[in-house]
Amino acid sequence: MIHRPKKQQLLTRCQQTVPLQNQALNMTKRIQTLKQEDGFTFVETLLVLTIVMVIITFPIVQTKGVQEDMETALFFESFRSSITLMHNHAILNNQWTVIETKPDNREVHFRVLGVRNHPLEHRLRLPDSVSFRGSTMRFEFHPGSGTQAQLSPCRIQTKDGMVTLSFKMGSGRFAFE
C-alpha cells in the first residue's frame, strides 16, 4: 500500500507533463510555419506605396486648375461689381470716384476722391493667374453724370488669353471683351 500513492503520483505527474510537451511541440510547429511564410519584399512594398501616392495626389493636381479658374472668375465678378458700385456712387452722391490699376502691386484700388477712409474705398488683389498688361491706369467717374473720360482700354492677361476692359464713350458703361 505504500507503493500505490507513489505510482499514482508518478502517473499524475506524467499526465501533467504530456500537455506541456504537446504545447511545446505546437509552439515549435508555429515558429516553423512562420519562418516558412514569405512576407512582402522591400521592392513590393515600395511599389504599392508609389501606386497609392499617385492615386492620392491625382485629385490634387486636377483641382489646382479648377481652383485657378474659380479664382479668376471670382476676380472678374468682383472687379465688375466694384466698377458698377463706383459708377453708381459718382452718379447718386455727386462725388468723383477713381479706379486705379496697379500692375506692380497686383492690385486695383477703388476710392472716392476727397474723402479719406470712405466705406467704398477698397483694394482688389489679383489672383496669381491674372496680371495687368501695361502701366498704371486711372479711370475717373464724373460726379452726377458718371461719365468716364479715359477711353484707353485696360488689358488683363489670364491663362486663357487676353481680356480687355473698355469703357463706352461718355456713359460710364463698360465691357470685358
C-alpha atoms as a PDB file:
ATOM      1  CA  MET A   1       0.000   0.000   0.000  1.00  0.00           C
ATOM      2  CA  ILE A   2       2.879   2.227   0.409  1.00  0.00           C
ATOM      3  CA  HIS A   3       3.793   1.938  -3.290  1.00  0.00           C
ATOM      4  CA  ARG A   4       0.380   2.882  -4.627  1.00  0.00           C
ATOM      5  CA  PRO A   5       0.483   6.513  -3.733  1.00  0.00           C
ATOM      6  CA  LYS A   6       3.853   6.768  -5.370  1.00  0.00           C
ATOM      7  CA  LYS A   7       2.528   5.167  -8.580  1.00  0.00           C
ATOM      8  CA  GLN A   8      -0.456   7.454  -8.588  1.00  0.00           C
ATOM      9  CA  GLN A   9       1.780  10.434  -8.043  1.00  0.00           C
ATOM     10  CA  LEU A  10       4.006   9.340 -10.906  1.00  0.00           C
ATOM     11  CA  LEU A  11       1.031   8.815 -13.185  1.00  0.00           C
ATOM     12  CA  THR A  12      -0.358  12.210 -12.300  1.00  0.00           C
ATOM     13  CA  ARG A  13       2.975  13.853 -12.944  1.00  0.00           C
ATOM     14  CA  CYS A  14       3.289  12.096 -16.303  1.00  0.00           C
ATOM     15  CA  GLN A  15      -0.185  13.162 -17.282  1.00  0.00           C
ATOM     16  CA  GLN A  16       0.687  16.762 -16.400  1.00  0.00           C
ATOM     17  CA  THR A  17       3.882  16.748 -18.465  1.00  0.00           C
ATOM     18  CA  VAL A  18       2.203  15.349 -21.593  1.00  0.00           C
ATOM     19  CA  PRO A  19       0.124  18.504 -22.185  1.00  0.00           C
ATOM     20  CA  LEU A  20       3.217  20.638 -21.618  1.00  0.00           C
ATOM     21  CA  GLN A  21       5.114  18.613 -24.177  1.00  0.00           C
ATOM     22  CA  ASN A  22       2.198  18.946 -26.610  1.00  0.00           C
ATOM     23  CA  GLN A  23       2.179  22.719 -26.103  1.00  0.00           C
ATOM     24  CA  ALA A  24       5.914  22.906 -26.703  1.00  0.00           C
ATOM     25  CA  LEU A  25       5.522  20.881 -29.916  1.00  0.00           C
ATOM     26  CA  ASN A  26       2.700  23.149 -31.048  1.00  0.00           C
ATOM     27  CA  MET A  27       4.844  26.239 -30.417  1.00  0.00           C
ATOM     28  CA  THR A  28       7.779  24.845 -32.386  1.00  0.00           C
ATOM     29  CA  LYS A  29       5.424  23.966 -35.261  1.00  0.00           C
ATOM     30  CA  ARG A  30       4.029  27.517 -35.221  1.00  0.00           C
ATOM     31  CA  ILE A  31       7.515  29.024 -35.251  1.00  0.00           C
ATOM     32  CA  GLN A  32       8.495  26.801 -38.175  1.00  0.00           C
ATOM     33  CA  THR A  33       5.384  27.783 -40.145  1.00  0.00           C
ATOM     34  CA  LEU A  34       6.042  31.470 -39.506  1.00  0.00           C
ATOM     35  CA  LYS A  35       9.585  31.033 -40.742  1.00  0.00           C
ATOM     36  CA  GLN A  36       8.343  29.320 -43.888  1.00  0.00           C
ATOM     37  CA  GLU A  37       5.779  32.008 -44.724  1.00  0.00           C
ATOM     38  CA  ASP A  38       7.112  34.695 -47.064  1.00  0.00           C
ATOM     39  CA  GLY A  39       6.267  38.350 -46.365  1.00  0.00           C
ATOM     40  CA  PHE A  40       6.386  41.254 -48.782  1.00  0.00           C
ATOM     41  CA  THR A  41       9.769  42.252 -50.085  1.00  0.00           C
ATOM     42  CA  PHE A  42      11.021  45.808 -49.774  1.00  0.00           C
ATOM     43  CA  VAL A  43      10.570  46.392 -53.514  1.00  0.00           C
ATOM     44  CA  GLU A  44       6.974  45.149 -53.435  1.00  0.00           C
ATOM     45  CA  THR A  45       6.204  47.451 -50.516  1.00  0.00           C
ATOM     46  CA  LEU A  46       7.733  50.442 -52.315  1.00  0.00           C
ATOM     47  CA  LEU A  47       5.755  49.643 -55.458  1.00  0.00           C
ATOM     48  CA  VAL A  48       2.468  49.549 -53.543  1.00  0.00           C
ATOM     49  CA  LEU A  49       3.268  52.801 -51.720  1.00  0.00           C
ATOM     50  CA  THR A  50       4.147  54.510 -55.006  1.00  0.00           C
ATOM     51  CA  ILE A  51       0.864  53.453 -56.597  1.00  0.00           C
ATOM     52  CA  VAL A  52      -1.096  54.655 -53.560  1.00  0.00           C
ATOM     53  CA  MET A  53       0.681  58.048 -53.616  1.00  0.00           C
ATOM     54  CA  VAL A  54      -0.086  58.520 -57.324  1.00  0.00           C
ATOM     55  CA  ILE A  55      -3.734  57.725 -56.710  1.00  0.00           C
ATOM     56  CA  ILE A  56      -3.894  60.122 -53.764  1.00  0.00           C
ATOM     57  CA  THR A  57      -2.135  63.056 -55.493  1.00  0.00           C
ATOM     58  CA  PHE A  58      -4.049  62.789 -58.770  1.00  0.00           C
ATOM     59  CA  PRO A  59      -7.145  64.684 -57.499  1.00  0.00           C
ATOM     60  CA  ILE A  60      -4.943  67.441 -56.018  1.00  0.00           C
ATOM     61  CA  VAL A  61      -3.363  68.105 -59.408  1.00  0.00           C
ATOM     62  CA  GLN A  62      -6.793  68.161 -61.063  1.00  0.00           C
ATOM     63  CA  THR A  63      -8.297  70.596 -58.549  1.00  0.00           C
ATOM     64  CA  LYS A  64      -5.443  73.120 -58.895  1.00  0.00           C
ATOM     65  CA  GLY A  65      -6.614  74.086 -62.396  1.00  0.00           C
ATOM     66  CA  VAL A  66     -10.211  74.280 -61.242  1.00  0.00           C
ATOM     67  CA  GLN A  67      -9.171  76.456 -58.299  1.00  0.00           C
ATOM     68  CA  GLU A  68      -7.310  78.870 -60.617  1.00  0.00           C
ATOM     69  CA  ASP A  69     -10.361  79.084 -62.876  1.00  0.00           C
ATOM     70  CA  MET A  70     -12.609  79.819 -59.905  1.00  0.00           C
ATOM     71  CA  GLU A  71     -10.228  82.498 -58.555  1.00  0.00           C
ATOM     72  CA  THR A  72     -10.111  84.156 -61.982  1.00  0.00           C
ATOM     73  CA  ALA A  73     -13.904  84.092 -62.349  1.00  0.00           C
ATOM     74  CA  LEU A  74     -14.319  85.472 -58.818  1.00  0.00           C
ATOM     75  CA  PHE A  75     -11.810  88.253 -59.533  1.00  0.00           C
ATOM     76  CA  PHE A  76     -13.648  89.368 -62.684  1.00  0.00           C
ATOM     77  CA  GLU A  77     -17.010  89.235 -60.910  1.00  0.00           C
ATOM     78  CA  SER A  78     -15.644  91.333 -58.017  1.00  0.00           C
ATOM     79  CA  PHE A  79     -13.982  93.733 -60.457  1.00  0.00           C
ATOM     80  CA  ARG A  80     -17.225  94.141 -62.426  1.00  0.00           C
ATOM     81  CA  SER A  81     -19.253  94.727 -59.236  1.00  0.00           C
ATOM     82  CA  SER A  82     -16.744  97.252 -57.874  1.00  0.00           C
ATOM     83  CA  ILE A  83     -16.711  99.242 -61.128  1.00  0.00           C
ATOM     84  CA  THR A  84     -20.516  99.349 -61.117  1.00  0.00           C
ATOM     85  CA  LEU A  85     -20.527 100.402 -57.457  1.00  0.00           C
ATOM     86  CA  MET A  86     -18.078 103.270 -58.088  1.00  0.00           C
ATOM     87  CA  HIS A  87     -20.018 104.400 -61.173  1.00  0.00           C
ATOM     88  CA  ASN A  88     -23.330 104.412 -59.307  1.00  0.00           C
ATOM     89  CA  HIS A  89     -21.810 106.250 -56.339  1.00  0.00           C
ATOM     90  CA  ALA A  90     -20.491 109.010 -58.629  1.00  0.00           C
ATOM     91  CA  ILE A  91     -23.951 109.498 -60.121  1.00  0.00           C
ATOM     92  CA  LEU A  92     -26.068 109.220 -56.972  1.00  0.00           C
ATOM     93  CA  ASN A  93     -23.798 111.049 -54.492  1.00  0.00           C
ATOM     94  CA  ASN A  94     -22.362 113.665 -56.855  1.00  0.00           C
ATOM     95  CA  GLN A  95     -18.765 112.715 -55.957  1.00  0.00           C
ATOM     96  CA  TRP A  96     -15.698 111.862 -58.013  1.00  0.00           C
ATOM     97  CA  THR A  97     -14.759 108.202 -57.855  1.00  0.00           C
ATOM     98  CA  VAL A  98     -11.485 106.718 -59.053  1.00  0.00           C
ATOM     99  CA  ILE A  99     -10.323 103.266 -60.104  1.00  0.00           C
ATOM    100  CA  GLU A 100      -6.568 102.731 -60.408  1.00  0.00           C
ATOM    101  CA  THR A 101      -4.854  99.635 -61.693  1.00  0.00           C
ATOM    102  CA  LYS A 102      -1.501  98.936 -60.037  1.00  0.00           C
ATOM    103  CA  PRO A 103       0.341  96.265 -62.061  1.00  0.00           C
ATOM    104  CA  ASP A 104       3.432  96.355 -59.838  1.00  0.00           C
ATOM    105  CA  ASN A 105       1.388  95.708 -56.668  1.00  0.00           C
ATOM    106  CA  ARG A 106      -1.028  93.329 -58.444  1.00  0.00           C
ATOM    107  CA  GLU A 107      -3.977  95.348 -57.112  1.00  0.00           C
ATOM    108  CA  VAL A 108      -6.861  97.533 -58.196  1.00  0.00           C
ATOM    109  CA  HIS A 109      -7.662 100.500 -55.937  1.00  0.00           C
ATOM    110  CA  PHE A 110     -11.202 101.882 -55.644  1.00  0.00           C
ATOM    111  CA  ARG A 111     -11.730 105.205 -53.849  1.00  0.00           C
ATOM    112  CA  VAL A 112     -13.867 108.308 -53.558  1.00  0.00           C
ATOM    113  CA  LEU A 113     -11.872 111.494 -54.210  1.00  0.00           C
ATOM    114  CA  GLY A 114     -11.610 113.999 -51.381  1.00  0.00           C
ATOM    115  CA  VAL A 115     -12.930 111.599 -48.721  1.00  0.00           C
ATOM    116  CA  ARG A 116     -10.452 109.715 -46.569  1.00  0.00           C
ATOM    117  CA  ASN A 117     -11.378 106.213 -45.413  1.00  0.00           C
ATOM    118  CA  HIS A 118     -14.673 106.223 -47.292  1.00  0.00           C
ATOM    119  CA  PRO A 119     -16.640 102.975 -46.793  1.00  0.00           C
ATOM    120  CA  LEU A 120     -16.421 102.264 -50.541  1.00  0.00           C
ATOM    121  CA  GLU A 121     -12.637 102.545 -50.550  1.00  0.00           C
ATOM    122  CA  HIS A 122     -11.098  99.125 -51.052  1.00  0.00           C
ATOM    123  CA  ARG A 123      -8.435  97.150 -52.903  1.00  0.00           C
ATOM    124  CA  LEU A 124      -8.942  94.145 -55.072  1.00  0.00           C
ATOM    125  CA  ARG A 125      -5.984  91.749 -55.205  1.00  0.00           C
ATOM    126  CA  LEU A 126      -5.225  89.934 -58.461  1.00  0.00           C
ATOM    127  CA  PRO A 127      -5.047  86.148 -58.318  1.00  0.00           C
ATOM    128  CA  ASP A 128      -1.788  84.517 -59.420  1.00  0.00           C
ATOM    129  CA  SER A 129      -3.279  83.517 -62.782  1.00  0.00           C
ATOM    130  CA  VAL A 130      -4.196  87.143 -63.684  1.00  0.00           C
ATOM    131  CA  SER A 131      -1.947  90.137 -64.452  1.00  0.00           C
ATOM    132  CA  PHE A 132      -2.322  93.637 -65.903  1.00  0.00           C
ATOM    133  CA  ARG A 133      -0.534  94.491 -69.137  1.00  0.00           C
ATOM    134  CA  GLY A 134       0.895  97.976 -69.368  1.00  0.00           C
ATOM    135  CA  SER A 135       1.425 100.680 -66.774  1.00  0.00           C
ATOM    136  CA  THR A 136      -0.793 102.085 -64.036  1.00  0.00           C
ATOM    137  CA  MET A 137      -4.146 103.259 -65.375  1.00  0.00           C
ATOM    138  CA  ARG A 138      -6.599 105.653 -63.767  1.00  0.00           C
ATOM    139  CA  PHE A 139     -10.316 105.766 -64.500  1.00  0.00           C
ATOM    140  CA  GLU A 140     -12.373 108.637 -63.024  1.00  0.00           C
ATOM    141  CA  PHE A 141     -16.161 108.805 -62.903  1.00  0.00           C
ATOM    142  CA  HIS A 142     -17.509 112.364 -63.047  1.00  0.00           C
ATOM    143  CA  PRO A 143     -19.874 113.464 -60.263  1.00  0.00           C
ATOM    144  CA  GLY A 144     -23.559 113.496 -61.136  1.00  0.00           C
ATOM    145  CA  SER A 145     -23.195 112.041 -64.638  1.00  0.00           C
ATOM    146  CA  GLY A 146     -20.886 109.073 -64.077  1.00  0.00           C
ATOM    147  CA  THR A 147     -19.178 109.683 -67.391  1.00  0.00           C
ATOM    148  CA  GLN A 148     -15.651 108.465 -67.796  1.00  0.00           C
ATOM    149  CA  ALA A 149     -13.079 110.396 -69.811  1.00  0.00           C
ATOM    150  CA  GLN A 150     -10.360 107.735 -70.009  1.00  0.00           C
ATOM    151  CA  LEU A 151     -11.219 105.646 -73.047  1.00  0.00           C
ATOM    152  CA  SER A 152      -7.954 103.718 -73.253  1.00  0.00           C
ATOM    153  CA  PRO A 153      -8.577 100.004 -72.803  1.00  0.00           C
ATOM    154  CA  CYS A 154      -7.138  98.152 -69.862  1.00  0.00           C
ATOM    155  CA  ARG A 155      -5.584  94.817 -70.860  1.00  0.00           C
ATOM    156  CA  ILE A 156      -5.656  91.909 -68.445  1.00  0.00           C
ATOM    157  CA  GLN A 157      -3.742  88.693 -69.094  1.00  0.00           C
ATOM    158  CA  THR A 158      -5.260  85.406 -67.918  1.00  0.00           C
ATOM    159  CA  LYS A 159      -4.117  81.848 -68.516  1.00  0.00           C
ATOM    160  CA  ASP A 160      -6.846  81.566 -71.168  1.00  0.00           C
ATOM    161  CA  GLY A 161      -5.764  84.706 -73.042  1.00  0.00           C
ATOM    162  CA  MET A 162      -6.095  88.472 -73.036  1.00  0.00           C
ATOM    163  CA  VAL A 163      -9.195  90.199 -71.638  1.00  0.00           C
ATOM    164  CA  THR A 164      -9.810  93.872 -72.430  1.00  0.00           C
ATOM    165  CA  LEU A 165     -11.742  96.238 -70.174  1.00  0.00           C
ATOM    166  CA  SER A 166     -13.115  99.081 -72.266  1.00  0.00           C
ATOM    167  CA  PHE A 167     -15.418 101.923 -71.290  1.00  0.00           C
ATOM    168  CA  LYS A 168     -18.119 103.179 -73.640  1.00  0.00           C
ATOM    169  CA  MET A 169     -17.847 106.822 -74.644  1.00  0.00           C
ATOM    170  CA  GLY A 170     -19.370 109.227 -72.156  1.00  0.00           C
ATOM    171  CA  SER A 171     -21.775 106.839 -70.458  1.00  0.00           C
ATOM    172  CA  GLY A 172     -19.606 105.094 -67.890  1.00  0.00           C
ATOM    173  CA  ARG A 173     -20.746 101.731 -69.204  1.00  0.00           C
ATOM    174  CA  PHE A 174     -18.020  99.165 -69.670  1.00  0.00           C
ATOM    175  CA  ALA A 175     -17.417  95.726 -71.113  1.00  0.00           C
ATOM    176  CA  PHE A 176     -14.946  92.900 -70.664  1.00  0.00           C
ATOM    177  CA  GLU A 177     -14.075  91.511 -74.081  1.00  0.00           C
END
